[in-house]
Amino acid sequence: MKDIWIRLSSVQDVQRFVGALVPLEGDFEFIADHLILDARSLMGIFGLDLKHPLHLRVYNDSPENMAALAPYRTDTEDTEHE
């Protein structure tokens, strides 16, 4: 399991992000305040505050999954946000 931070700045970013997650193995969850949300949920993502980076929990941090997430990341491999 790995926690990373991503940025989705537009409707197109959200659509591309969800499209990138669909074929991947494992679970992906956004953590926002007291909510845990399936990161493959378009409607759920639009309920989040997209002005700020989003906390994403990745349950299968395989190289393939991490490569698919790389375009959206705002952190680096060496930086972990709590």
PDB file of N, CA and C in Angstrom:
ATOM      1  N   MET A   1       0.848  -1.173   0.000  1.00  0.00           N
ATOM      2  CA  MET A   1       0.000   0.000   0.000  1.00  0.00           C
ATOM      3  C   MET A   1       0.893   1.236   0.000  1.00  0.00           C
ATOM      4  N   LYS A   2       0.437   2.261  -0.733  1.00  0.00           N
ATOM      5  CA  LYS A   2       1.204   3.500  -0.829  1.00  0.00           C
ATOM      6  C   LYS A   2       0.226   4.670  -0.867  1.00  0.00           C
ATOM      7  N   ASP A   3       0.560   5.732  -0.138  1.00  0.00           N
ATOM      8  CA  ASP A   3      -0.224   6.965  -0.177  1.00  0.00           C
ATOM      9  C   ASP A   3       0.529   7.979  -1.018  1.00  0.00           C
ATOM     10  N   ILE A   4      -0.166   8.551  -1.992  1.00  0.00           N
ATOM     11  CA  ILE A   4       0.427   9.568  -2.848  1.00  0.00           C
ATOM     12  C   ILE A   4      -0.540  10.745  -2.976  1.00  0.00           C
ATOM     13  N   TRP A   5      -0.057  11.836  -3.538  1.00  0.00           N
ATOM     14  CA  TRP A   5      -0.880  13.021  -3.772  1.00  0.00           C
ATOM     15  C   TRP A   5      -0.936  13.277  -5.261  1.00  0.00           C
ATOM     16  N   ILE A   6      -2.155  13.549  -5.750  1.00  0.00           N
ATOM     17  CA  ILE A   6      -2.334  13.815  -7.173  1.00  0.00           C
ATOM     18  C   ILE A   6      -3.121  15.106  -7.350  1.00  0.00           C
ATOM     19  N   ARG A   7      -3.036  15.651  -8.560  1.00  0.00           N
ATOM     20  CA  ARG A   7      -3.800  16.844  -8.896  1.00  0.00           C
ATOM     21  C   ARG A   7      -4.620  16.555 -10.151  1.00  0.00           C
ATOM     22  N   LEU A   8      -5.902  16.869 -10.069  1.00  0.00           N
ATOM     23  CA  LEU A   8      -6.824  16.773 -11.199  1.00  0.00           C
ATOM     24  C   LEU A   8      -7.394  18.172 -11.404  1.00  0.00           C
ATOM     25  N   SER A   9      -6.914  18.876 -12.419  1.00  0.00           N
ATOM     26  CA  SER A   9      -7.227  20.298 -12.578  1.00  0.00           C
ATOM     27  C   SER A   9      -8.415  20.587 -13.477  1.00  0.00           C
ATOM     28  N   SER A  10      -8.881  19.598 -14.216  1.00  0.00           N
ATOM     29  CA  SER A  10      -9.975  19.851 -15.165  1.00  0.00           C
ATOM     30  C   SER A  10     -10.864  18.615 -15.281  1.00  0.00           C
ATOM     31  N   VAL A  11     -11.998  18.800 -15.916  1.00  0.00           N
ATOM     32  CA  VAL A  11     -12.908  17.683 -16.174  1.00  0.00           C
ATOM     33  C   VAL A  11     -12.190  16.631 -17.017  1.00  0.00           C
ATOM     34  N   GLN A  12     -11.408  17.089 -17.990  1.00  0.00           N
ATOM     35  CA  GLN A  12     -10.671  16.156 -18.842  1.00  0.00           C
ATOM     36  C   GLN A  12      -9.640  15.365 -18.034  1.00  0.00           C
ATOM     37  N   ASP A  13      -8.978  16.020 -17.077  1.00  0.00           N
ATOM     38  CA  ASP A  13      -8.028  15.304 -16.209  1.00  0.00           C
ATOM     39  C   ASP A  13      -8.733  14.198 -15.434  1.00  0.00           C
ATOM     40  N   VAL A  14      -9.897  14.506 -14.889  1.00  0.00           N
ATOM     41  CA  VAL A  14     -10.656  13.513 -14.120  1.00  0.00           C
ATOM     42  C   VAL A  14     -11.038  12.344 -15.016  1.00  0.00           C
ATOM     43  N   GLN A  15     -11.526  12.633 -16.212  1.00  0.00           N
ATOM     44  CA  GLN A  15     -11.923  11.567 -17.133  1.00  0.00           C
ATOM     45  C   GLN A  15     -10.736  10.704 -17.533  1.00  0.00           C
ATOM     46  N   ARG A  16      -9.599  11.325 -17.836  1.00  0.00           N
ATOM     47  CA  ARG A  16      -8.397  10.563 -18.200  1.00  0.00           C
ATOM     48  C   ARG A  16      -7.897   9.731 -17.020  1.00  0.00           C
ATOM     49  N   PHE A  17      -7.933  10.318 -15.826  1.00  0.00           N
ATOM     50  CA  PHE A  17      -7.481   9.624 -14.629  1.00  0.00           C
ATOM     51  C   PHE A  17      -8.309   8.363 -14.387  1.00  0.00           C
ATOM     52  N   VAL A  18      -9.622   8.504 -14.404  1.00  0.00           N
ATOM     53  CA  VAL A  18     -10.493   7.338 -14.177  1.00  0.00           C
ATOM     54  C   VAL A  18     -10.288   6.312 -15.287  1.00  0.00           C
ATOM     55  N   GLY A  19     -10.153   6.777 -16.522  1.00  0.00           N
ATOM     56  CA  GLY A  19      -9.884   5.866 -17.640  1.00  0.00           C
ATOM     57  C   GLY A  19      -8.581   5.106 -17.464  1.00  0.00           C
ATOM     58  N   ALA A  20      -7.576   5.762 -16.900  1.00  0.00           N
ATOM     59  CA  ALA A  20      -6.286   5.103 -16.653  1.00  0.00           C
ATOM     60  C   ALA A  20      -6.394   4.065 -15.542  1.00  0.00           C
ATOM     61  N   LEU A  21      -7.270   4.302 -14.548  1.00  0.00           N
ATOM     62  CA  LEU A  21      -7.421   3.365 -13.429  1.00  0.00           C
ATOM     63  C   LEU A  21      -8.204   2.111 -13.791  1.00  0.00           C
ATOM     64  N   VAL A  22      -9.155   2.225 -14.689  1.00  0.00           N
ATOM     65  CA  VAL A  22     -10.076   1.118 -14.982  1.00  0.00           C
ATOM     66  C   VAL A  22      -9.351  -0.194 -15.290  1.00  0.00           C
ATOM     67  N   PRO A  23      -8.338  -0.223 -16.149  1.00  0.00           N
ATOM     68  CA  PRO A  23      -7.705  -1.521 -16.448  1.00  0.00           C
ATOM     69  C   PRO A  23      -6.696  -2.003 -15.405  1.00  0.00           C
ATOM     70  N   LEU A  24      -6.396  -1.188 -14.416  1.00  0.00           N
ATOM     71  CA  LEU A  24      -5.359  -1.542 -13.445  1.00  0.00           C
ATOM     72  C   LEU A  24      -5.876  -2.504 -12.381  1.00  0.00           C
ATOM     73  N   GLU A  25      -4.969  -3.336 -11.882  1.00  0.00           N
ATOM     74  CA  GLU A  25      -5.282  -4.265 -10.804  1.00  0.00           C
ATOM     75  C   GLU A  25      -5.187  -3.549  -9.465  1.00  0.00           C
ATOM     76  N   GLY A  26      -6.065  -3.887  -8.537  1.00  0.00           N
ATOM     77  CA  GLY A  26      -5.998  -3.345  -7.189  1.00  0.00           C
ATOM     78  C   GLY A  26      -7.031  -2.259  -6.937  1.00  0.00           C
ATOM     79  N   ASP A  27      -7.051  -1.819  -5.699  1.00  0.00           N
ATOM     80  CA  ASP A  27      -7.991  -0.783  -5.283  1.00  0.00           C
ATOM     81  C   ASP A  27      -7.284   0.549  -5.158  1.00  0.00           C
ATOM     82  N   PHE A  28      -8.044   1.609  -5.415  1.00  0.00           N
ATOM     83  CA  PHE A  28      -7.553   2.972  -5.332  1.00  0.00           C
ATOM     84  C   PHE A  28      -8.620   3.781  -4.613  1.00  0.00           C
ATOM     85  N   GLU A  29      -8.237   4.482  -3.555  1.00  0.00           N
ATOM     86  CA  GLU A  29      -9.202   5.253  -2.764  1.00  0.00           C
ATOM     87  C   GLU A  29      -8.694   6.668  -2.540  1.00  0.00           C
ATOM     88  N   PHE A  30      -9.625   7.619  -2.648  1.00  0.00           N
ATOM     89  CA  PHE A  30      -9.322   8.979  -2.227  1.00  0.00           C
ATOM     90  C   PHE A  30      -9.695   9.099  -0.763  1.00  0.00           C
ATOM     91  N   ILE A  31      -8.850   9.777   0.001  1.00  0.00           N
ATOM     92  CA  ILE A  31      -9.094  10.027   1.414  1.00  0.00           C
ATOM     93  C   ILE A  31      -9.264  11.547   1.547  1.00  0.00           C
ATOM     94  N   ALA A  32     -10.432  11.967   1.986  1.00  0.00           N
ATOM     95  CA  ALA A  32     -10.709  13.400   2.132  1.00  0.00           C
ATOM     96  C   ALA A  32     -11.497  13.607   3.419  1.00  0.00           C
ATOM     97  N   ASP A  33     -10.868  14.279   4.373  1.00  0.00           N
ATOM     98  CA  ASP A  33     -11.486  14.490   5.679  1.00  0.00           C
ATOM     99  C   ASP A  33     -11.902  13.138   6.256  1.00  0.00           C
ATOM    100  N   HIS A  34     -13.178  12.933   6.452  1.00  0.00           N
ATOM    101  CA  HIS A  34     -13.667  11.676   7.029  1.00  0.00           C
ATOM    102  C   HIS A  34     -14.220  10.730   5.964  1.00  0.00           C
ATOM    103  N   LEU A  35     -14.018  11.063   4.674  1.00  0.00           N
ATOM    104  CA  LEU A  35     -14.544  10.255   3.582  1.00  0.00           C
ATOM    105  C   LEU A  35     -13.469   9.362   2.983  1.00  0.00           C
ATOM    106  N   ILE A  36     -13.874   8.174   2.584  1.00  0.00           N
ATOM    107  CA  ILE A  36     -13.045   7.292   1.775  1.00  0.00           C
ATOM    108  C   ILE A  36     -13.870   6.991   0.535  1.00  0.00           C
ATOM    109  N   LEU A  37     -13.287   7.286  -0.625  1.00  0.00           N
ATOM    110  CA  LEU A  37     -14.042   7.250  -1.871  1.00  0.00           C
ATOM    111  C   LEU A  37     -13.324   6.404  -2.909  1.00  0.00           C
ATOM    112  N   ASP A  38     -14.053   5.573  -3.619  1.00  0.00           N
ATOM    113  CA  ASP A  38     -13.482   4.787  -4.716  1.00  0.00           C
ATOM    114  C   ASP A  38     -12.956   5.748  -5.781  1.00  0.00           C
ATOM    115  N   ALA A  39     -11.677   5.661  -6.104  1.00  0.00           N
ATOM    116  CA  ALA A  39     -11.060   6.588  -7.054  1.00  0.00           C
ATOM    117  C   ALA A  39     -11.502   6.332  -8.493  1.00  0.00           C
ATOM    118  N   ARG A  40     -12.217   5.250  -8.737  1.00  0.00           N
ATOM    119  CA  ARG A  40     -12.744   4.979 -10.074  1.00  0.00           C
ATOM    120  C   ARG A  40     -14.134   5.585 -10.272  1.00  0.00           C
ATOM    121  N   SER A  41     -14.632   6.317  -9.301  1.00  0.00           N
ATOM    122  CA  SER A  41     -15.976   6.894  -9.351  1.00  0.00           C
ATOM    123  C   SER A  41     -15.922   8.337  -9.868  1.00  0.00           C
ATOM    124  N   LEU A  42     -16.350   8.524 -11.111  1.00  0.00           N
ATOM    125  CA  LEU A  42     -16.389   9.877 -11.684  1.00  0.00           C
ATOM    126  C   LEU A  42     -17.233  10.812 -10.831  1.00  0.00           C
ATOM    127  N   MET A  43     -18.423  10.388 -10.505  1.00  0.00           N
ATOM    128  CA  MET A  43     -19.324  11.246  -9.726  1.00  0.00           C
ATOM    129  C   MET A  43     -18.740  11.560  -8.357  1.00  0.00           C
ATOM    130  N   GLY A  44     -18.123  10.590  -7.744  1.00  0.00           N
ATOM    131  CA  GLY A  44     -17.507  10.815  -6.441  1.00  0.00           C
ATOM    132  C   GLY A  44     -16.388  11.835  -6.504  1.00  0.00           C
ATOM    133  N   ILE A  45     -15.549  11.741  -7.529  1.00  0.00           N
ATOM    134  CA  ILE A  45     -14.427  12.671  -7.667  1.00  0.00           C
ATOM    135  C   ILE A  45     -14.932  14.098  -7.829  1.00  0.00           C
ATOM    136  N   PHE A  46     -16.003  14.276  -8.581  1.00  0.00           N
ATOM    137  CA  PHE A  46     -16.524  15.627  -8.794  1.00  0.00           C
ATOM    138  C   PHE A  46     -17.105  16.220  -7.519  1.00  0.00           C
ATOM    139  N   GLY A  47     -17.324  15.407  -6.504  1.00  0.00           N
ATOM    140  CA  GLY A  47     -17.770  15.906  -5.204  1.00  0.00           C
ATOM    141  C   GLY A  47     -16.618  16.380  -4.327  1.00  0.00           C
ATOM    142  N   LEU A  48     -15.386  16.151  -4.768  1.00  0.00           N
ATOM    143  CA  LEU A  48     -14.213  16.561  -4.001  1.00  0.00           C
ATOM    144  C   LEU A  48     -13.766  17.960  -4.411  1.00  0.00           C
ATOM    145  N   ASP A  49     -12.975  18.593  -3.573  1.00  0.00           N
ATOM    146  CA  ASP A  49     -12.414  19.909  -3.864  1.00  0.00           C
ATOM    147  C   ASP A  49     -11.191  19.711  -4.759  1.00  0.00           C
ATOM    148  N   LEU A  50     -11.353  19.995  -6.054  1.00  0.00           N
ATOM    149  CA  LEU A  50     -10.283  19.762  -7.019  1.00  0.00           C
ATOM    150  C   LEU A  50      -9.296  20.920  -7.094  1.00  0.00           C
ATOM    151  N   LYS A  51      -9.477  21.939  -6.263  1.00  0.00           N
ATOM    152  CA  LYS A  51      -8.549  23.071  -6.243  1.00  0.00           C
ATOM    153  C   LYS A  51      -7.244  22.706  -5.534  1.00  0.00           C
ATOM    154  N   HIS A  52      -7.281  21.633  -4.769  1.00  0.00           N
ATOM    155  CA  HIS A  52      -6.128  21.215  -3.978  1.00  0.00           C
ATOM    156  C   HIS A  52      -5.732  19.794  -4.367  1.00  0.00           C
ATOM    157  N   PRO A  53      -4.476  19.409  -4.108  1.00  0.00           N
ATOM    158  CA  PRO A  53      -4.071  18.015  -4.365  1.00  0.00           C
ATOM    159  C   PRO A  53      -4.945  17.040  -3.570  1.00  0.00           C
ATOM    160  N   LEU A  54      -5.132  15.869  -4.136  1.00  0.00           N
ATOM    161  CA  LEU A  54      -5.966  14.834  -3.529  1.00  0.00           C
ATOM    162  C   LEU A  54      -5.095  13.707  -2.993  1.00  0.00           C
ATOM    163  N   HIS A  55      -5.458  13.205  -1.835  1.00  0.00           N
ATOM    164  CA  HIS A  55      -4.754  12.098  -1.179  1.00  0.00           C
ATOM    165  C   HIS A  55      -5.298  10.792  -1.762  1.00  0.00           C
ATOM    166  N   LEU A  56      -4.440  10.051  -2.431  1.00  0.00           N
ATOM    167  CA  LEU A  56      -4.824   8.790  -3.058  1.00  0.00           C
ATOM    168  C   LEU A  56      -4.099   7.646  -2.364  1.00  0.00           C
ATOM    169  N   ARG A  57      -4.849   6.658  -1.958  1.00  0.00           N
ATOM    170  CA  ARG A  57      -4.266   5.436  -1.381  1.00  0.00           C
ATOM    171  C   ARG A  57      -4.305   4.355  -2.464  1.00  0.00           C
ATOM    172  N   VAL A  58      -3.126   3.807  -2.746  1.00  0.00           N
ATOM    173  CA  VAL A  58      -2.960   2.789  -3.780  1.00  0.00           C
ATOM    174  C   VAL A  58      -2.660   1.470  -3.075  1.00  0.00           C
ATOM    175  N   TYR A  59      -3.514   0.473  -3.266  1.00  0.00           N
ATOM    176  CA  TYR A  59      -3.336  -0.806  -2.573  1.00  0.00           C
ATOM    177  C   TYR A  59      -2.442  -1.781  -3.334  1.00  0.00           C
ATOM    178  N   ASN A  60      -2.189  -1.514  -4.615  1.00  0.00           N
ATOM    179  CA  ASN A  60      -1.266  -2.336  -5.393  1.00  0.00           C
ATOM    180  C   ASN A  60      -0.292  -1.373  -6.065  1.00  0.00           C
ATOM    181  N   ASP A  61       0.864  -1.170  -5.432  1.00  0.00           N
ATOM    182  CA  ASP A  61       1.819  -0.195  -5.955  1.00  0.00           C
ATOM    183  C   ASP A  61       2.831  -0.846  -6.904  1.00  0.00           C
ATOM    184  N   SER A  62       2.303  -1.645  -7.821  1.00  0.00           N
ATOM    185  CA  SER A  62       3.151  -2.287  -8.830  1.00  0.00           C
ATOM    186  C   SER A  62       3.738  -1.208  -9.742  1.00  0.00           C
ATOM    187  N   PRO A  63       4.834  -1.509 -10.410  1.00  0.00           N
ATOM    188  CA  PRO A  63       5.420  -0.533 -11.331  1.00  0.00           C
ATOM    189  C   PRO A  63       4.440  -0.070 -12.413  1.00  0.00           C
ATOM    190  N   GLU A  64       3.606  -0.974 -12.904  1.00  0.00           N
ATOM    191  CA  GLU A  64       2.625  -0.611 -13.931  1.00  0.00           C
ATOM    192  C   GLU A  64       1.605   0.396 -13.383  1.00  0.00           C
ATOM    193  N   ASN A  65       1.112   0.130 -12.177  1.00  0.00           N
ATOM    194  CA  ASN A  65       0.140   1.044 -11.570  1.00  0.00           C
ATOM    195  C   ASN A  65       0.759   2.405 -11.301  1.00  0.00           C
ATOM    196  N   MET A  66       1.969   2.412 -10.764  1.00  0.00           N
ATOM    197  CA  MET A  66       2.610   3.684 -10.439  1.00  0.00           C
ATOM    198  C   MET A  66       2.945   4.475 -11.701  1.00  0.00           C
ATOM    199  N   ALA A  67       3.294   3.789 -12.781  1.00  0.00           N
ATOM    200  CA  ALA A  67       3.562   4.478 -14.052  1.00  0.00           C
ATOM    201  C   ALA A  67       2.298   5.122 -14.597  1.00  0.00           C
ATOM    202  N   ALA A  68       1.155   4.447 -14.455  1.00  0.00           N
ATOM    203  CA  ALA A  68      -0.111   5.010 -14.933  1.00  0.00           C
ATOM    204  C   ALA A  68      -0.511   6.247 -14.126  1.00  0.00           C
ATOM    205  N   LEU A  69      -0.120   6.302 -12.863  1.00  0.00           N
ATOM    206  CA  LEU A  69      -0.459   7.438 -12.000  1.00  0.00           C
ATOM    207  C   LEU A  69       0.526   8.598 -12.118  1.00  0.00           C
ATOM    208  N   ALA A  70       1.700   8.344 -12.658  1.00  0.00           N
ATOM    209  CA  ALA A  70       2.775   9.341 -12.701  1.00  0.00           C
ATOM    210  C   ALA A  70       2.363  10.692 -13.286  1.00  0.00           C
ATOM    211  N   PRO A  71       1.566  10.760 -14.351  1.00  0.00           N
ATOM    212  CA  PRO A  71       1.224  12.074 -14.904  1.00  0.00           C
ATOM    213  C   PRO A  71       0.392  12.952 -13.966  1.00  0.00           C
ATOM    214  N   TYR A  72      -0.235  12.373 -12.980  1.00  0.00           N
ATOM    215  CA  TYR A  72      -1.127  13.106 -12.086  1.00  0.00           C
ATOM    216  C   TYR A  72      -0.501  13.427 -10.736  1.00  0.00           C
ATOM    217  N   ARG A  73       0.671  12.885 -10.464  1.00  0.00           N
ATOM    218  CA  ARG A  73       1.282  13.027  -9.133  1.00  0.00           C
ATOM    219  C   ARG A  73       1.805  14.430  -8.881  1.00  0.00           C
ATOM    220  N   THR A  74       1.655  14.876  -7.640  1.00  0.00           N
ATOM    221  CA  THR A  74       2.232  16.156  -7.225  1.00  0.00           C
ATOM    222  C   THR A  74       3.352  15.936  -6.227  1.00  0.00           C
ATOM    223  N   ASP A  75       3.562  14.702  -5.832  1.00  0.00           N
ATOM    224  CA  ASP A  75       4.639  14.366  -4.902  1.00  0.00           C
ATOM    225  C   ASP A  75       5.720  13.615  -5.665  1.00  0.00           C
ATOM    226  N   THR A  76       6.729  13.163  -4.959  1.00  0.00           N
ATOM    227  CA  THR A  76       7.772  12.333  -5.560  1.00  0.00           C
ATOM    228  C   THR A  76       7.820  11.025  -4.804  1.00  0.00           C
ATOM    229  N   GLU A  77       8.545  10.083  -5.309  1.00  0.00           N
ATOM    230  CA  GLU A  77       8.681   8.787  -4.642  1.00  0.00           C
ATOM    231  C   GLU A  77       9.293   8.936  -3.245  1.00  0.00           C
ATOM    232  N   ASP A  78      10.130   9.948  -3.056  1.00  0.00           N
ATOM    233  CA  ASP A  78      10.822  10.112  -1.794  1.00  0.00           C
ATOM    234  C   ASP A  78      10.019  10.900  -0.758  1.00  0.00           C
ATOM    235  N   THR A  79       8.921  11.508  -1.178  1.00  0.00           N
ATOM    236  CA  THR A  79       8.148  12.354  -0.272  1.00  0.00           C
ATOM    237  C   THR A  79       6.830  11.684   0.064  1.00  0.00           C
ATOM    238  N   GLU A  80       6.565  11.502   1.314  1.00  0.00           N
ATOM    239  CA  GLU A  80       5.291  10.946   1.781  1.00  0.00           C
ATOM    240  C   GLU A  80       4.553  12.012   2.554  1.00  0.00           C
ATOM    241  N   HIS A  81       3.273  12.218   2.243  1.00  0.00           N
ATOM    242  CA  HIS A  81       2.429  13.150   2.974  1.00  0.00           C
ATOM    243  C   HIS A  81       1.615  12.369   3.983  1.00  0.00           C
ATOM    244  N   GLU A  82       1.387  12.933   5.119  1.00  0.00           N
ATOM    245  CA  GLU A  82       0.560  12.276   6.142  1.00  0.00           C
ATOM    246  C   GLU A  82      -0.800  12.899   6.168  1.00  0.00           C
TER     247      GLU A  82
END
